[in-house]
Amino acid sequence: MPKLLLATNNQAKVREYKSLLHSLPYELVTLAEQGITTVVSEVGETMEENARLKATLLADKSRLLALADDSGLAVDALGGEPGLLSARYAGENASDKDRVSYLLSRLKGVPWQKRSACFRCVIAIATPDGEVEFCSGECRGMITLDPRGEQGFGYDPIFYLPELDKTMAELPLEMKNQISHRGQAARKVYQVLERLAPSKYIW
């Protein structure tokens, strides 16, 4: 069975991708399992650039098909922040809790009807020869006044889905995967791999 490298050190993302892509005819392997300790700096100006940087570098290093993503939260009242800085919004070493608290502080006094936001995910799939294709997904919601829920990670506890009357962090993983930005992007991976992965990548 061919291998597909999940090019992230974020274990929460690894769990989600293993759930989302479990029916692929690929063995999903992690950087740690392949003995790869390379850290790729996200210096791109777009999510597409960051996803491409990670996927191409790690595909070349591992000689495997590699899947990398960049994702973020854009809050309308903040002009699209935190956007590309979503993971570093409260500082380089901030925790998820720190980032959530900082974002809520930035929205202090903003009324409910103006707390709209969008989660976006861009996945890049790269071959060892440098070919790249992209998949993307978006999910719109609102930013709550306080965190709710214990599931998920990142900004999930404050990302409210009006149609479900729940935050992302209140959803079981299976339901989150059906509607999330990452879930939408991941479902497109199946078609991309059919085009991008010829038999020479199957060992």
C-alpha atoms as a PDB file:
ATOM      1  CA  MET A   1       0.000   0.000   0.000  1.00  0.00           C
ATOM      2  CA  PRO A   2       1.383   3.453  -0.883  1.00  0.00           C
ATOM      3  CA  LYS A   3       2.152   5.919   1.886  1.00  0.00           C
ATOM      4  CA  LEU A   4       0.779   9.428   2.288  1.00  0.00           C
ATOM      5  CA  LEU A   5       2.772  11.663   4.629  1.00  0.00           C
ATOM      6  CA  LEU A   6       0.710  13.898   6.918  1.00  0.00           C
ATOM      7  CA  ALA A   7       3.119  16.815   6.991  1.00  0.00           C
ATOM      8  CA  THR A   8       2.231  18.362  10.330  1.00  0.00           C
ATOM      9  CA  ASN A   9       3.465  18.147  13.906  1.00  0.00           C
ATOM     10  CA  ASN A  10       0.066  19.199  15.221  1.00  0.00           C
ATOM     11  CA  GLN A  11      -1.275  15.997  16.755  1.00  0.00           C
ATOM     12  CA  ALA A  12      -4.848  17.307  16.816  1.00  0.00           C
ATOM     13  CA  LYS A  13      -4.646  17.804  13.041  1.00  0.00           C
ATOM     14  CA  VAL A  14      -3.163  14.324  12.633  1.00  0.00           C
ATOM     15  CA  ARG A  15      -6.141  12.827  14.492  1.00  0.00           C
ATOM     16  CA  GLU A  16      -8.594  14.740  12.323  1.00  0.00           C
ATOM     17  CA  TYR A  17      -6.892  13.778   9.073  1.00  0.00           C
ATOM     18  CA  LYS A  18      -6.683  10.116  10.057  1.00  0.00           C
ATOM     19  CA  SER A  19     -10.437  10.225  10.664  1.00  0.00           C
ATOM     20  CA  LEU A  20     -11.190  12.191   7.489  1.00  0.00           C
ATOM     21  CA  LEU A  21      -8.964  10.123   5.176  1.00  0.00           C
ATOM     22  CA  HIS A  22      -9.306   6.683   6.741  1.00  0.00           C
ATOM     23  CA  SER A  23     -10.882   5.140   3.631  1.00  0.00           C
ATOM     24  CA  LEU A  24      -8.095   6.217   1.263  1.00  0.00           C
ATOM     25  CA  PRO A  25      -6.098   3.333  -0.244  1.00  0.00           C
ATOM     26  CA  TYR A  26      -3.013   4.776   1.442  1.00  0.00           C
ATOM     27  CA  GLU A  27      -1.125   4.197   4.659  1.00  0.00           C
ATOM     28  CA  LEU A  28      -1.256   7.525   6.490  1.00  0.00           C
ATOM     29  CA  VAL A  29       2.117   8.152   8.127  1.00  0.00           C
ATOM     30  CA  THR A  30       3.367  11.000  10.304  1.00  0.00           C
ATOM     31  CA  LEU A  31       6.599  12.954  10.371  1.00  0.00           C
ATOM     32  CA  ALA A  32       7.593  11.278  13.639  1.00  0.00           C
ATOM     33  CA  GLU A  33       6.973   7.816  12.205  1.00  0.00           C
ATOM     34  CA  GLN A  34       9.231   8.665   9.263  1.00  0.00           C
ATOM     35  CA  GLY A  35      11.930  10.099  11.560  1.00  0.00           C
ATOM     36  CA  ILE A  36      11.567  13.591  10.072  1.00  0.00           C
ATOM     37  CA  THR A  37      12.306  16.490  12.413  1.00  0.00           C
ATOM     38  CA  THR A  38      12.429  19.266   9.802  1.00  0.00           C
ATOM     39  CA  VAL A  39      10.492  22.394  10.757  1.00  0.00           C
ATOM     40  CA  VAL A  40       9.214  24.423   7.808  1.00  0.00           C
ATOM     41  CA  SER A  41       8.879  28.158   8.385  1.00  0.00           C
ATOM     42  CA  GLU A  42       5.534  29.533   7.234  1.00  0.00           C
ATOM     43  CA  VAL A  43       6.866  32.585   5.413  1.00  0.00           C
ATOM     44  CA  GLY A  44       4.322  32.653   2.587  1.00  0.00           C
ATOM     45  CA  GLU A  45       1.948  35.546   2.066  1.00  0.00           C
ATOM     46  CA  THR A  46      -1.064  33.288   1.485  1.00  0.00           C
ATOM     47  CA  MET A  47      -2.350  29.991   2.850  1.00  0.00           C
ATOM     48  CA  GLU A  48      -1.668  28.426  -0.539  1.00  0.00           C
ATOM     49  CA  GLU A  49       2.001  29.471  -0.374  1.00  0.00           C
ATOM     50  CA  ASN A  50       2.437  28.140   3.160  1.00  0.00           C
ATOM     51  CA  ALA A  51       0.757  24.827   2.348  1.00  0.00           C
ATOM     52  CA  ARG A  52       2.881  24.468  -0.793  1.00  0.00           C
ATOM     53  CA  LEU A  53       6.115  25.212   1.090  1.00  0.00           C
ATOM     54  CA  LYS A  54       5.439  22.508   3.656  1.00  0.00           C
ATOM     55  CA  ALA A  55       4.156  19.896   1.236  1.00  0.00           C
ATOM     56  CA  THR A  56       6.908  20.247  -1.383  1.00  0.00           C
ATOM     57  CA  LEU A  57       9.805  20.377   1.077  1.00  0.00           C
ATOM     58  CA  LEU A  58       8.598  17.363   3.046  1.00  0.00           C
ATOM     59  CA  ALA A  59       7.660  15.367  -0.051  1.00  0.00           C
ATOM     60  CA  ASP A  60      11.193  15.909  -1.366  1.00  0.00           C
ATOM     61  CA  LYS A  61      12.766  14.995   1.961  1.00  0.00           C
ATOM     62  CA  SER A  62      10.658  11.870   2.536  1.00  0.00           C
ATOM     63  CA  ARG A  63      10.305  10.836  -1.134  1.00  0.00           C
ATOM     64  CA  LEU A  64       6.633  10.249  -0.371  1.00  0.00           C
ATOM     65  CA  LEU A  65       3.439  11.924  -1.401  1.00  0.00           C
ATOM     66  CA  ALA A  66       2.918  14.610   1.230  1.00  0.00           C
ATOM     67  CA  LEU A  67      -0.184  16.403   2.448  1.00  0.00           C
ATOM     68  CA  ALA A  68       0.192  19.727   4.242  1.00  0.00           C
ATOM     69  CA  ASP A  69      -2.298  22.399   5.080  1.00  0.00           C
ATOM     70  CA  ASP A  70      -2.561  25.955   6.241  1.00  0.00           C
ATOM     71  CA  SER A  71      -5.720  27.083   7.915  1.00  0.00           C
ATOM     72  CA  GLY A  72      -6.939  30.090   9.780  1.00  0.00           C
ATOM     73  CA  LEU A  73      -9.777  32.117  11.170  1.00  0.00           C
ATOM     74  CA  ALA A  74     -10.875  35.415   9.637  1.00  0.00           C
ATOM     75  CA  VAL A  75     -13.041  37.646  11.822  1.00  0.00           C
ATOM     76  CA  ASP A  76     -14.955  40.260   9.872  1.00  0.00           C
ATOM     77  CA  ALA A  77     -14.995  42.860  12.671  1.00  0.00           C
ATOM     78  CA  LEU A  78     -11.197  42.651  12.844  1.00  0.00           C
ATOM     79  CA  GLY A  79     -10.650  43.150   9.130  1.00  0.00           C
ATOM     80  CA  GLY A  80      -9.908  39.464   8.572  1.00  0.00           C
ATOM     81  CA  GLU A  81      -7.626  38.940  11.556  1.00  0.00           C
ATOM     82  CA  PRO A  82      -6.073  36.720  12.720  1.00  0.00           C
ATOM     83  CA  GLY A  83      -5.891  35.138   9.250  1.00  0.00           C
ATOM     84  CA  LEU A  84      -2.395  33.887   8.414  1.00  0.00           C
ATOM     85  CA  LEU A  85      -1.347  34.664  11.987  1.00  0.00           C
ATOM     86  CA  SER A  86      -4.027  32.450  13.541  1.00  0.00           C
ATOM     87  CA  ALA A  87      -1.516  30.089  15.182  1.00  0.00           C
ATOM     88  CA  ARG A  88       0.697  32.942  16.367  1.00  0.00           C
ATOM     89  CA  TYR A  89      -1.921  35.583  17.158  1.00  0.00           C
ATOM     90  CA  ALA A  90      -1.133  35.735  20.858  1.00  0.00           C
ATOM     91  CA  GLY A  91       2.616  35.124  20.469  1.00  0.00           C
ATOM     92  CA  GLU A  92       4.864  32.320  19.251  1.00  0.00           C
ATOM     93  CA  ASN A  93       4.549  30.147  22.367  1.00  0.00           C
ATOM     94  CA  ALA A  94       0.925  30.878  23.201  1.00  0.00           C
ATOM     95  CA  SER A  95      -1.453  28.024  23.969  1.00  0.00           C
ATOM     96  CA  ASP A  96      -4.861  27.513  22.375  1.00  0.00           C
ATOM     97  CA  LYS A  97      -6.386  28.984  25.526  1.00  0.00           C
ATOM     98  CA  ASP A  98      -4.145  32.051  25.224  1.00  0.00           C
ATOM     99  CA  ARG A  99      -5.152  32.592  21.600  1.00  0.00           C
ATOM    100  CA  VAL A 100      -8.844  32.272  22.394  1.00  0.00           C
ATOM    101  CA  SER A 101      -8.557  34.724  25.290  1.00  0.00           C
ATOM    102  CA  TYR A 102      -6.641  37.231  23.190  1.00  0.00           C
ATOM    103  CA  LEU A 103      -9.137  37.084  20.337  1.00  0.00           C
ATOM    104  CA  LEU A 104     -12.055  37.579  22.726  1.00  0.00           C
ATOM    105  CA  SER A 105     -10.281  40.585  24.240  1.00  0.00           C
ATOM    106  CA  ARG A 106      -9.925  42.099  20.758  1.00  0.00           C
ATOM    107  CA  LEU A 107     -13.672  41.690  20.262  1.00  0.00           C
ATOM    108  CA  LYS A 108     -14.667  43.184  23.604  1.00  0.00           C
ATOM    109  CA  GLY A 109     -17.691  45.417  23.081  1.00  0.00           C
ATOM    110  CA  VAL A 110     -18.408  44.156  19.555  1.00  0.00           C
ATOM    111  CA  PRO A 111     -22.137  43.305  19.347  1.00  0.00           C
ATOM    112  CA  TRP A 112     -23.298  39.810  18.459  1.00  0.00           C
ATOM    113  CA  GLN A 113     -24.524  40.669  14.972  1.00  0.00           C
ATOM    114  CA  LYS A 114     -21.067  41.919  14.019  1.00  0.00           C
ATOM    115  CA  ARG A 115     -19.121  38.883  15.280  1.00  0.00           C
ATOM    116  CA  SER A 116     -19.258  36.936  12.004  1.00  0.00           C
ATOM    117  CA  ALA A 117     -16.216  34.898  11.028  1.00  0.00           C
ATOM    118  CA  CYS A 118     -14.943  32.289   8.611  1.00  0.00           C
ATOM    119  CA  PHE A 119     -12.658  29.306   9.038  1.00  0.00           C
ATOM    120  CA  ARG A 120     -10.627  28.499   5.893  1.00  0.00           C
ATOM    121  CA  CYS A 121      -8.351  25.568   5.101  1.00  0.00           C
ATOM    122  CA  VAL A 122      -6.047  25.042   2.119  1.00  0.00           C
ATOM    123  CA  ILE A 123      -4.507  21.602   1.584  1.00  0.00           C
ATOM    124  CA  ALA A 124      -1.521  21.080  -0.700  1.00  0.00           C
ATOM    125  CA  ILE A 125      -0.639  17.607  -1.933  1.00  0.00           C
ATOM    126  CA  ALA A 126       2.853  17.301  -3.375  1.00  0.00           C
ATOM    127  CA  THR A 127       4.713  14.508  -5.133  1.00  0.00           C
ATOM    128  CA  PRO A 128       8.444  13.891  -4.587  1.00  0.00           C
ATOM    129  CA  ASP A 129       8.956  15.331  -8.095  1.00  0.00           C
ATOM    130  CA  GLY A 130       7.466  18.693  -7.127  1.00  0.00           C
ATOM    131  CA  GLU A 131       3.964  18.442  -8.597  1.00  0.00           C
ATOM    132  CA  VAL A 132       1.377  20.151  -6.381  1.00  0.00           C
ATOM    133  CA  GLU A 133      -2.394  20.335  -6.295  1.00  0.00           C
ATOM    134  CA  PHE A 134      -4.636  22.208  -3.873  1.00  0.00           C
ATOM    135  CA  CYS A 135      -7.941  21.597  -2.126  1.00  0.00           C
ATOM    136  CA  SER A 136      -9.758  24.173  -0.035  1.00  0.00           C
ATOM    137  CA  GLY A 137     -12.783  24.529   2.211  1.00  0.00           C
ATOM    138  CA  GLU A 138     -14.582  27.239   4.186  1.00  0.00           C
ATOM    139  CA  CYS A 139     -17.013  27.302   7.081  1.00  0.00           C
ATOM    140  CA  ARG A 140     -18.842  30.416   8.271  1.00  0.00           C
ATOM    141  CA  GLY A 141     -20.029  31.095  11.798  1.00  0.00           C
ATOM    142  CA  MET A 142     -19.969  33.560  14.681  1.00  0.00           C
ATOM    143  CA  ILE A 143     -17.528  34.244  17.515  1.00  0.00           C
ATOM    144  CA  THR A 144     -19.092  33.609  20.917  1.00  0.00           C
ATOM    145  CA  LEU A 145     -18.702  35.790  23.985  1.00  0.00           C
ATOM    146  CA  ASP A 146     -17.204  32.905  25.978  1.00  0.00           C
ATOM    147  CA  PRO A 147     -15.645  29.507  25.147  1.00  0.00           C
ATOM    148  CA  ARG A 148     -17.957  26.495  25.016  1.00  0.00           C
ATOM    149  CA  GLY A 149     -17.131  22.813  24.622  1.00  0.00           C
ATOM    150  CA  GLU A 150     -14.204  20.490  25.232  1.00  0.00           C
ATOM    151  CA  GLN A 151     -13.702  18.928  21.794  1.00  0.00           C
ATOM    152  CA  GLY A 152     -11.540  20.121  18.925  1.00  0.00           C
ATOM    153  CA  PHE A 153      -8.641  22.539  19.226  1.00  0.00           C
ATOM    154  CA  GLY A 154      -7.554  26.053  18.333  1.00  0.00           C
ATOM    155  CA  TYR A 155     -10.460  28.486  18.090  1.00  0.00           C
ATOM    156  CA  ASP A 156     -13.124  25.743  18.051  1.00  0.00           C
ATOM    157  CA  PRO A 157     -14.540  26.668  21.516  1.00  0.00           C
ATOM    158  CA  ILE A 158     -15.538  30.150  20.317  1.00  0.00           C
ATOM    159  CA  PHE A 159     -16.605  29.336  16.736  1.00  0.00           C
ATOM    160  CA  TYR A 160     -20.400  29.109  16.870  1.00  0.00           C
ATOM    161  CA  LEU A 161     -22.530  27.442  14.198  1.00  0.00           C
ATOM    162  CA  PRO A 162     -26.018  29.027  14.288  1.00  0.00           C
ATOM    163  CA  GLU A 163     -27.655  26.194  12.343  1.00  0.00           C
ATOM    164  CA  LEU A 164     -26.565  23.692  15.002  1.00  0.00           C
ATOM    165  CA  ASP A 165     -26.679  26.011  18.034  1.00  0.00           C
ATOM    166  CA  LYS A 166     -23.258  24.664  19.027  1.00  0.00           C
ATOM    167  CA  THR A 167     -19.627  25.657  18.836  1.00  0.00           C
ATOM    168  CA  MET A 168     -17.154  23.506  16.937  1.00  0.00           C
ATOM    169  CA  ALA A 169     -15.831  22.332  20.293  1.00  0.00           C
ATOM    170  CA  GLU A 170     -19.264  20.997  21.268  1.00  0.00           C
ATOM    171  CA  LEU A 171     -19.451  18.672  18.260  1.00  0.00           C
ATOM    172  CA  PRO A 172     -18.280  15.055  18.170  1.00  0.00           C
ATOM    173  CA  LEU A 173     -15.421  14.593  15.711  1.00  0.00           C
ATOM    174  CA  GLU A 174     -17.581  12.779  13.167  1.00  0.00           C
ATOM    175  CA  MET A 175     -20.046  15.672  12.982  1.00  0.00           C
ATOM    176  CA  LYS A 176     -17.307  18.300  12.946  1.00  0.00           C
ATOM    177  CA  ASN A 177     -15.655  16.532  10.011  1.00  0.00           C
ATOM    178  CA  GLN A 178     -18.869  16.709   8.001  1.00  0.00           C
ATOM    179  CA  ILE A 179     -19.108  20.513   8.134  1.00  0.00           C
ATOM    180  CA  SER A 180     -15.701  21.949   8.997  1.00  0.00           C
ATOM    181  CA  HIS A 181     -13.372  23.796   6.632  1.00  0.00           C
ATOM    182  CA  ARG A 182     -10.834  20.986   6.993  1.00  0.00           C
ATOM    183  CA  GLY A 183     -13.477  18.355   6.332  1.00  0.00           C
ATOM    184  CA  GLN A 184     -14.625  20.097   3.160  1.00  0.00           C
ATOM    185  CA  ALA A 185     -11.056  20.383   1.867  1.00  0.00           C
ATOM    186  CA  ALA A 186     -10.198  16.803   2.805  1.00  0.00           C
ATOM    187  CA  ARG A 187     -13.108  15.357   0.854  1.00  0.00           C
ATOM    188  CA  LYS A 188     -11.594  16.852  -2.298  1.00  0.00           C
ATOM    189  CA  VAL A 189      -8.306  15.023  -1.613  1.00  0.00           C
ATOM    190  CA  TYR A 190      -9.764  11.761  -2.893  1.00  0.00           C
ATOM    191  CA  GLN A 191     -10.223  13.118  -6.422  1.00  0.00           C
ATOM    192  CA  VAL A 192      -6.854  14.900  -6.399  1.00  0.00           C
ATOM    193  CA  LEU A 193      -4.980  11.724  -5.512  1.00  0.00           C
ATOM    194  CA  GLU A 194      -6.576   9.878  -8.398  1.00  0.00           C
ATOM    195  CA  ARG A 195      -5.026  12.427 -10.775  1.00  0.00           C
ATOM    196  CA  LEU A 196      -1.772  13.126  -8.964  1.00  0.00           C
ATOM    197  CA  ALA A 197      -0.572   9.721  -7.816  1.00  0.00           C
ATOM    198  CA  PRO A 198       0.544   7.498 -10.699  1.00  0.00           C
ATOM    199  CA  SER A 199       1.744   3.969 -10.121  1.00  0.00           C
ATOM    200  CA  LYS A 200       5.391   5.040  -9.767  1.00  0.00           C
ATOM    201  CA  TYR A 201       4.560   6.354  -6.281  1.00  0.00           C
ATOM    202  CA  ILE A 202       3.178   3.012  -5.116  1.00  0.00           C
ATOM    203  CA  TRP A 203       5.678   0.816  -3.333  1.00  0.00           C
END
